Amino acid sequence: MNGERKVISFTVTGFGEEYTVQTYENEYRNLMVLLNDKIYMEDFGQCGGQGRCATCLVEVTAPGGGLLTHERNEQSTIAKKGRVGQNARLSCQIFINDALNGAVINIPDDLL
């Protein structure tokens, strides 16, 4: 390995805006932390990334579907918010890795 880190690039939509985000694997603990750092959102991720509050809910469109596997109790937390659908995820449960490359992450208007 030559020490170069592969750039992970994806798109975030929300607030009527579209952002292109570039990062590296494991640069952030999870997508929620990255979004709070790059695109500050008030009250986003209130439980601090424990997957309990669903205030960091995002809708994911990803090549290959690698980001659509739910972690732990994620589906029950999402259901408490009245969301259904495979593409709803908690950003605190999405790790920063190559599966994010080329993805589109939408922050639903009703969470803003």
C-alpha atoms as a PDB file:
ATOM      1  CA  MET A   1       0.000   0.000   0.000  1.00  0.00           C
ATOM      2  CA  ASN A   2       1.365   3.405  -0.941  1.00  0.00           C
ATOM      3  CA  GLY A   3      -0.260   5.281   1.957  1.00  0.00           C
ATOM      4  CA  GLU A   4      -2.834   7.077  -0.201  1.00  0.00           C
ATOM      5  CA  ARG A   5      -6.373   6.928   1.079  1.00  0.00           C
ATOM      6  CA  LYS A   6      -9.200   6.337  -1.362  1.00  0.00           C
ATOM      7  CA  VAL A   7     -11.631   9.229  -1.597  1.00  0.00           C
ATOM      8  CA  ILE A   8     -15.264   8.390  -0.888  1.00  0.00           C
ATOM      9  CA  SER A   9     -17.619  10.789  -2.640  1.00  0.00           C
ATOM     10  CA  PHE A  10     -21.407  10.964  -2.272  1.00  0.00           C
ATOM     11  CA  THR A  11     -24.265  13.439  -2.558  1.00  0.00           C
ATOM     12  CA  VAL A  12     -26.430  14.800   0.242  1.00  0.00           C
ATOM     13  CA  THR A  13     -29.742  16.506  -0.497  1.00  0.00           C
ATOM     14  CA  GLY A  14     -31.708  18.514   2.030  1.00  0.00           C
ATOM     15  CA  PHE A  15     -32.690  22.062   2.926  1.00  0.00           C
ATOM     16  CA  GLY A  16     -33.473  22.579  -0.771  1.00  0.00           C
ATOM     17  CA  GLU A  17     -29.757  22.161  -1.459  1.00  0.00           C
ATOM     18  CA  GLU A  18     -27.477  19.497  -2.899  1.00  0.00           C
ATOM     19  CA  TYR A  19     -24.036  18.944  -1.406  1.00  0.00           C
ATOM     20  CA  THR A  20     -21.170  16.853  -2.742  1.00  0.00           C
ATOM     21  CA  VAL A  21     -19.303  15.355   0.192  1.00  0.00           C
ATOM     22  CA  GLN A  22     -15.841  13.840   0.059  1.00  0.00           C
ATOM     23  CA  THR A  23     -14.284  11.887   2.887  1.00  0.00           C
ATOM     24  CA  TYR A  24     -12.091   8.872   3.601  1.00  0.00           C
ATOM     25  CA  GLU A  25     -12.891   5.518   5.174  1.00  0.00           C
ATOM     26  CA  ASN A  26     -13.176   5.848   8.953  1.00  0.00           C
ATOM     27  CA  GLU A  27     -12.524   9.615   8.863  1.00  0.00           C
ATOM     28  CA  TYR A  28     -15.694   9.938  10.947  1.00  0.00           C
ATOM     29  CA  ARG A  29     -17.279   7.499  13.402  1.00  0.00           C
ATOM     30  CA  ASN A  30     -20.461   7.337  11.295  1.00  0.00           C
ATOM     31  CA  LEU A  31     -22.518   9.274   8.751  1.00  0.00           C
ATOM     32  CA  MET A  32     -24.402  11.210  11.453  1.00  0.00           C
ATOM     33  CA  VAL A  33     -21.163  12.702  12.809  1.00  0.00           C
ATOM     34  CA  LEU A  34     -19.978  13.544   9.290  1.00  0.00           C
ATOM     35  CA  LEU A  35     -23.266  15.266   8.424  1.00  0.00           C
ATOM     36  CA  ASN A  36     -23.199  17.275  11.646  1.00  0.00           C
ATOM     37  CA  ASP A  37     -19.641  18.371  10.884  1.00  0.00           C
ATOM     38  CA  LYS A  38     -20.053  19.186   7.191  1.00  0.00           C
ATOM     39  CA  ILE A  39     -23.715  20.305   7.090  1.00  0.00           C
ATOM     40  CA  TYR A  40     -24.728  21.493  10.532  1.00  0.00           C
ATOM     41  CA  MET A  41     -28.320  20.537  11.329  1.00  0.00           C
ATOM     42  CA  GLU A  42     -29.936  21.622  14.578  1.00  0.00           C
ATOM     43  CA  ASP A  43     -31.383  18.736  16.638  1.00  0.00           C
ATOM     44  CA  PHE A  44     -29.943  16.112  14.256  1.00  0.00           C
ATOM     45  CA  GLY A  45     -28.848  12.997  16.139  1.00  0.00           C
ATOM     46  CA  GLN A  46     -30.195  13.870  19.573  1.00  0.00           C
ATOM     47  CA  CYS A  47     -29.323  10.510  21.179  1.00  0.00           C
ATOM     48  CA  GLY A  48     -25.672  10.875  20.170  1.00  0.00           C
ATOM     49  CA  GLY A  49     -25.584   7.937  17.788  1.00  0.00           C
ATOM     50  CA  GLN A  50     -27.155   5.192  19.872  1.00  0.00           C
ATOM     51  CA  GLY A  51     -29.877   4.450  17.301  1.00  0.00           C
ATOM     52  CA  ARG A  52     -32.728   5.277  19.674  1.00  0.00           C
ATOM     53  CA  CYS A  53     -34.274   8.597  18.643  1.00  0.00           C
ATOM     54  CA  ALA A  54     -34.485   8.485  14.811  1.00  0.00           C
ATOM     55  CA  THR A  55     -33.656  12.206  14.601  1.00  0.00           C
ATOM     56  CA  CYS A  56     -30.827  11.326  12.205  1.00  0.00           C
ATOM     57  CA  LEU A  57     -33.068   9.433   9.769  1.00  0.00           C
ATOM     58  CA  VAL A  58     -32.035   9.642   6.115  1.00  0.00           C
ATOM     59  CA  GLU A  59     -33.200   8.076   2.873  1.00  0.00           C
ATOM     60  CA  VAL A  60     -30.457   6.237   1.022  1.00  0.00           C
ATOM     61  CA  THR A  61     -30.024   5.454  -2.660  1.00  0.00           C
ATOM     62  CA  ALA A  62     -26.832   3.473  -3.084  1.00  0.00           C
ATOM     63  CA  PRO A  63     -25.199   1.589  -5.931  1.00  0.00           C
ATOM     64  CA  GLY A  64     -25.297  -2.134  -5.206  1.00  0.00           C
ATOM     65  CA  GLY A  65     -27.600  -1.689  -2.202  1.00  0.00           C
ATOM     66  CA  GLY A  66     -24.733  -2.074   0.272  1.00  0.00           C
ATOM     67  CA  LEU A  67     -26.109   0.608   2.578  1.00  0.00           C
ATOM     68  CA  LEU A  68     -29.576  -0.890   2.866  1.00  0.00           C
ATOM     69  CA  THR A  69     -28.810  -3.541   5.494  1.00  0.00           C
ATOM     70  CA  HIS A  70     -30.238  -2.415   8.822  1.00  0.00           C
ATOM     71  CA  GLU A  71     -28.216  -2.722  12.008  1.00  0.00           C
ATOM     72  CA  ARG A  72     -29.376  -3.978  15.427  1.00  0.00           C
ATOM     73  CA  ASN A  73     -32.777  -2.496  16.347  1.00  0.00           C
ATOM     74  CA  GLU A  74     -32.702   0.089  13.599  1.00  0.00           C
ATOM     75  CA  GLN A  75     -35.963  -0.992  11.931  1.00  0.00           C
ATOM     76  CA  SER A  76     -37.985  -0.700  15.139  1.00  0.00           C
ATOM     77  CA  THR A  77     -36.567   2.784  15.809  1.00  0.00           C
ATOM     78  CA  ILE A  78     -37.412   3.871  12.255  1.00  0.00           C
ATOM     79  CA  ALA A  79     -40.927   2.421  12.614  1.00  0.00           C
ATOM     80  CA  LYS A  80     -41.494   4.627  15.680  1.00  0.00           C
ATOM     81  CA  LYS A  81     -41.098   7.595  13.332  1.00  0.00           C
ATOM     82  CA  GLY A  82     -43.788   6.127  11.077  1.00  0.00           C
ATOM     83  CA  ARG A  83     -41.359   5.365   8.268  1.00  0.00           C
ATOM     84  CA  VAL A  84     -41.534   2.328   6.069  1.00  0.00           C
ATOM     85  CA  GLY A  85     -39.332   1.330   3.193  1.00  0.00           C
ATOM     86  CA  GLN A  86     -35.987  -0.301   2.770  1.00  0.00           C
ATOM     87  CA  ASN A  87     -34.168   2.945   1.964  1.00  0.00           C
ATOM     88  CA  ALA A  88     -34.881   4.605   5.352  1.00  0.00           C
ATOM     89  CA  ARG A  89     -31.795   4.387   7.565  1.00  0.00           C
ATOM     90  CA  LEU A  90     -30.434   5.959  10.706  1.00  0.00           C
ATOM     91  CA  SER A  91     -27.303   7.848   9.706  1.00  0.00           C
ATOM     92  CA  CYS A  92     -25.706   6.944  13.052  1.00  0.00           C
ATOM     93  CA  GLN A  93     -25.796   3.305  11.924  1.00  0.00           C
ATOM     94  CA  ILE A  94     -24.072   3.938   8.566  1.00  0.00           C
ATOM     95  CA  PHE A  95     -20.310   3.616   8.761  1.00  0.00           C
ATOM     96  CA  ILE A  96     -17.917   5.599   6.602  1.00  0.00           C
ATOM     97  CA  ASN A  97     -16.641   3.107   4.075  1.00  0.00           C
ATOM     98  CA  ASP A  98     -16.618   2.432   0.334  1.00  0.00           C
ATOM     99  CA  ALA A  99     -20.328   1.458   0.352  1.00  0.00           C
ATOM    100  CA  LEU A 100     -21.056   5.219   0.569  1.00  0.00           C
ATOM    101  CA  ASN A 101     -19.181   5.948  -2.656  1.00  0.00           C
ATOM    102  CA  GLY A 102     -21.669   7.193  -5.261  1.00  0.00           C
ATOM    103  CA  ALA A 103     -24.624   7.132  -2.844  1.00  0.00           C
ATOM    104  CA  VAL A 104     -27.316   9.776  -2.579  1.00  0.00           C
ATOM    105  CA  ILE A 105     -28.327  10.598   0.984  1.00  0.00           C
ATOM    106  CA  ASN A 106     -31.584  12.533   1.307  1.00  0.00           C
ATOM    107  CA  ILE A 107     -32.505  14.312   4.528  1.00  0.00           C
ATOM    108  CA  PRO A 108     -36.320  14.206   4.570  1.00  0.00           C
ATOM    109  CA  ASP A 109     -38.019  17.618   4.764  1.00  0.00           C
ATOM    110  CA  ASP A 110     -40.105  16.606   7.765  1.00  0.00           C
ATOM    111  CA  LEU A 111     -36.927  16.134   9.803  1.00  0.00           C
ATOM    112  CA  LEU A 112     -35.528  19.557   9.035  1.00  0.00           C
END
